[in-house]
Protein backbone atom coordinates (compact mmCIF):
# COMPACT_ATOMS: atom_id res chain seq x y z
CA MET A 1 20.06 -10.14 -7.01
CA HIS A 2 22.56 -10.00 -4.17
CA HIS A 3 22.72 -13.21 -2.10
CA GLY A 4 22.49 -11.25 1.17
CA MET A 5 19.12 -9.87 0.10
CA TRP A 6 17.79 -13.41 -0.28
CA GLN A 7 19.07 -14.28 3.18
CA HIS A 8 17.34 -11.24 4.59
CA TRP A 9 14.04 -12.01 2.84
CA PHE A 10 13.89 -15.68 3.51
CA GLY A 11 15.70 -15.89 6.84
CA HIS A 12 16.75 -19.42 5.90
CA GLY A 13 20.32 -18.85 4.78
CA GLY A 14 19.17 -17.72 1.34
CA HIS A 15 16.91 -20.64 0.47
CA GLU A 16 13.17 -21.19 0.39
CA HIS A 17 11.01 -24.24 0.82
CA GLN A 18 10.32 -26.51 -2.13
CA GLY A 19 6.88 -27.55 -3.34
CA ARG A 20 3.82 -25.34 -3.61
CA GLU A 21 5.39 -22.34 -1.91
CA GLY A 22 2.47 -20.01 -2.24
CA TYR A 23 0.21 -18.67 0.39
CA CYS A 24 -3.34 -19.83 0.94
CA SER A 25 -6.24 -17.53 0.42
CA PRO A 26 -9.45 -18.05 2.36
CA GLY A 27 -11.38 -16.45 -0.48
CA GLY A 28 -9.28 -17.91 -3.25
CA GLY A 29 -8.61 -14.46 -4.60
CA GLY A 30 -4.90 -13.83 -4.78
CA TRP A 31 -1.46 -15.21 -5.36
CA GLY A 32 -1.24 -18.46 -3.52
CA GLY A 33 -1.12 -22.14 -3.05
CA HIS A 34 0.08 -23.91 0.06
CA GLY A 35 3.56 -23.68 1.39
CA PRO A 36 5.69 -22.34 4.19
CA GLY A 37 2.77 -20.91 6.12
CA ARG A 38 1.02 -24.24 6.47
CA HIS A 39 4.16 -25.82 7.85
CA GLY A 40 4.34 -23.42 10.75
CA HIS A 41 7.39 -21.52 9.49
CA HIS A 42 5.51 -18.28 9.02
CA GLY A 43 2.50 -16.71 10.72
CA HIS A 44 -1.04 -16.85 9.46
CA GLY A 45 -3.77 -14.30 9.33
CA PRO A 46 -7.25 -14.79 10.74
CA GLY A 47 -8.64 -18.25 10.18
CA GLY A 48 -5.20 -19.79 9.82
CA HIS A 49 -4.61 -18.55 6.28
CA ASP A 50 -2.53 -15.91 4.63
CA ASP A 51 -4.16 -14.17 1.75
CA ASP A 52 -2.27 -13.71 -1.44
CA PHE A 53 -1.69 -11.08 -4.07
CA GLY A 54 -1.80 -8.42 -1.46
CA GLY A 55 -5.18 -9.04 0.13
CA GLY A 56 -4.66 -10.59 3.52
CA ALA A 57 -3.71 -9.97 7.09
CA PHE A 58 -0.12 -9.17 6.14
CA GLY A 59 1.32 -6.87 3.49
CA VAL A 60 2.97 -7.89 0.26
CA ARG A 61 6.13 -9.38 1.74
CA ARG A 62 5.41 -13.08 1.34
CA PRO A 63 3.90 -13.11 -2.15
CA LEU A 64 6.52 -10.61 -3.21
CA ARG A 65 9.45 -12.70 -2.05
CA PHE A 66 7.88 -15.84 -3.53
CA LEU A 67 7.54 -14.15 -6.91
CA ALA A 68 10.99 -12.57 -6.65
CA TRP A 69 12.46 -16.00 -6.06
CA LYS A 70 10.45 -17.93 -8.65
CA LEU A 71 10.80 -15.26 -11.35
CA GLU A 72 14.40 -14.29 -10.49
CA LEU A 73 13.49 -10.62 -10.28
CA GLU A 74 16.01 -7.80 -10.14
CA GLU A 75 15.75 -5.25 -7.32
CA PRO A 76 14.00 -2.54 -9.42
CA GLN A 77 11.42 -5.13 -10.51
CA VAL A 78 10.85 -6.15 -6.89
CA ALA A 79 10.31 -2.51 -5.90
CA GLU A 80 7.75 -1.94 -8.66
CA LEU A 81 6.00 -5.24 -7.96
CA ALA A 82 5.76 -4.24 -4.30
CA LYS A 83 3.88 -1.07 -5.29
CA ILE A 84 1.52 -2.99 -7.55
CA LEU A 85 0.73 -5.63 -4.94
CA ASP A 86 0.25 -3.02 -2.23
CA GLU A 87 -2.29 -1.14 -4.36
CA LEU A 88 -4.13 -4.37 -5.07
CA LYS A 89 -4.13 -5.18 -1.36
CA THR A 90 -5.87 -1.88 -0.72
CA GLU A 91 -8.52 -2.64 -3.35
CA ARG A 92 -9.12 -6.07 -1.83
CA ALA A 93 -9.57 -4.47 1.59
CA TYR A 94 -12.20 -2.11 0.17
CA ALA A 95 -13.94 -5.10 -1.42
CA ALA A 96 -13.98 -6.91 1.94
CA VAL A 97 -15.64 -3.89 3.58
CA ASP A 98 -18.19 -3.71 0.75
CA ASN A 99 -18.90 -7.42 1.20
CA ARG A 100 -19.66 -6.90 4.88
CA ARG A 101 -21.93 -3.97 4.04
CA SER A 102 -23.81 -5.97 1.41
CA THR A 103 -24.22 -8.88 3.81
CA SER A 104 -25.64 -6.47 6.37
CA ALA A 105 -28.07 -5.09 3.79
CA PHE A 106 -29.21 -8.62 2.91
CA ALA A 107 -29.78 -9.40 6.59
CA ASP A 108 -31.66 -6.12 7.05
CA SER A 109 -33.92 -6.99 4.10
CA LEU A 110 -35.04 -10.15 5.92
CA GLY A 111 -35.16 -8.89 9.50
CA LYS A 112 -38.63 -7.37 9.52
CA ASP A 113 -42.15 -8.74 9.06
CA ALA A 114 -42.18 -7.66 5.41
CA PHE A 115 -39.33 -8.39 3.00
CA ASP A 116 -37.48 -5.16 2.08
CA GLU A 117 -36.75 -5.67 -1.59
CA ALA A 118 -35.11 -2.24 -1.92
CA LYS A 119 -32.62 -3.10 0.84
CA ALA A 120 -31.85 -6.45 -0.80
CA LYS A 121 -31.27 -4.74 -4.15
CA GLU A 122 -29.03 -2.18 -2.43
CA GLY A 123 -26.89 -5.00 -1.04
CA ALA A 124 -26.78 -6.79 -4.37
CA GLU A 125 -25.85 -3.62 -6.25
CA LEU A 126 -23.06 -2.89 -3.79
CA ARG A 127 -21.67 -6.37 -4.38
CA VAL A 128 -21.77 -5.98 -8.15
CA LYS A 129 -20.06 -2.57 -8.08
CA SER A 130 -17.43 -3.86 -5.67
CA ALA A 131 -16.74 -6.87 -7.89
CA GLU A 132 -16.41 -4.59 -10.92
CA ARG A 133 -13.93 -2.33 -9.11
CA LEU A 134 -11.89 -5.32 -7.99
CA ARG A 135 -11.98 -6.80 -11.51
CA ASP A 136 -10.68 -3.53 -12.94
CA ALA A 137 -7.95 -3.34 -10.29
CA VAL A 138 -6.79 -6.90 -11.02
CA VAL A 139 -6.70 -6.27 -14.78
CA LYS A 140 -4.75 -3.05 -14.25
CA ALA A 141 -2.32 -4.82 -11.91
CA LEU A 142 -1.78 -7.62 -14.42
CA GLY A 143 -1.02 -5.08 -17.14
CA ARG A 144 1.49 -3.31 -14.91
CA ILE A 145 3.09 -6.62 -13.94
CA HIS A 146 3.36 -7.57 -17.62
CA ALA A 147 5.24 -4.31 -18.28
CA VAL A 148 7.67 -4.93 -15.40
CA LEU A 149 8.62 -8.48 -16.39
CA ASP A 150 10.73 -9.69 -19.28
CA GLY A 151 9.48 -12.40 -21.64
CA GLU A 152 10.91 -15.35 -19.73
CA GLN A 153 9.57 -14.05 -16.42
CA ARG A 154 6.10 -13.56 -17.94
CA GLU A 155 6.18 -17.14 -19.21
CA ARG A 156 7.12 -18.42 -15.74
CA LEU A 157 4.39 -16.34 -14.12
CA ALA A 158 1.81 -17.63 -16.61
CA TYR A 159 2.94 -21.18 -15.84
CA LEU A 160 2.59 -20.60 -12.08
CA ILE A 161 -0.94 -19.29 -12.62
CA ARG A 162 -1.93 -22.11 -15.00
CA THR A 163 -0.66 -24.84 -12.68
CA GLY A 164 -2.33 -23.36 -9.62
CA ALA A 165 0.95 -22.65 -7.81
CA ILE A 166 -0.43 -19.12 -7.49
CA SER A 167 -3.91 -17.84 -8.09
CA ILE A 168 -5.40 -14.55 -9.05
């Protein structure tokens, strides 16, 4: 990858911070750890956290550049990974909306004199279906990522996941 591209991405003369350079996830559901964001070098989403693997207040730029750096990705790989992460971000946004709807249904089931079991079941079913859709999206994304990476890059990614440097 061209050195100037790294400088553009990182804005630090082509280098990145050492340590657990991921991005924290309030829900624990993405690519992340703790890193530049917690040191005040980059902005945070709501609640002081950036979400990871495409699910937070920002797009795919931070997890993408982290993975590009750690996995030494070529430009075509970065472009494909950007698409994958963006699609997963969209799925996570739908799941967040579903979570708010299910929470509302749970509250509605309790808000009257008599417990509304049907409303509670509606909220629970929405949560299950949402979790299933998100599960399927994550599995699909992992398969697509596997196809984009070479063997060494897949091994490095697996290591980052196993050690908690990033999370899914």
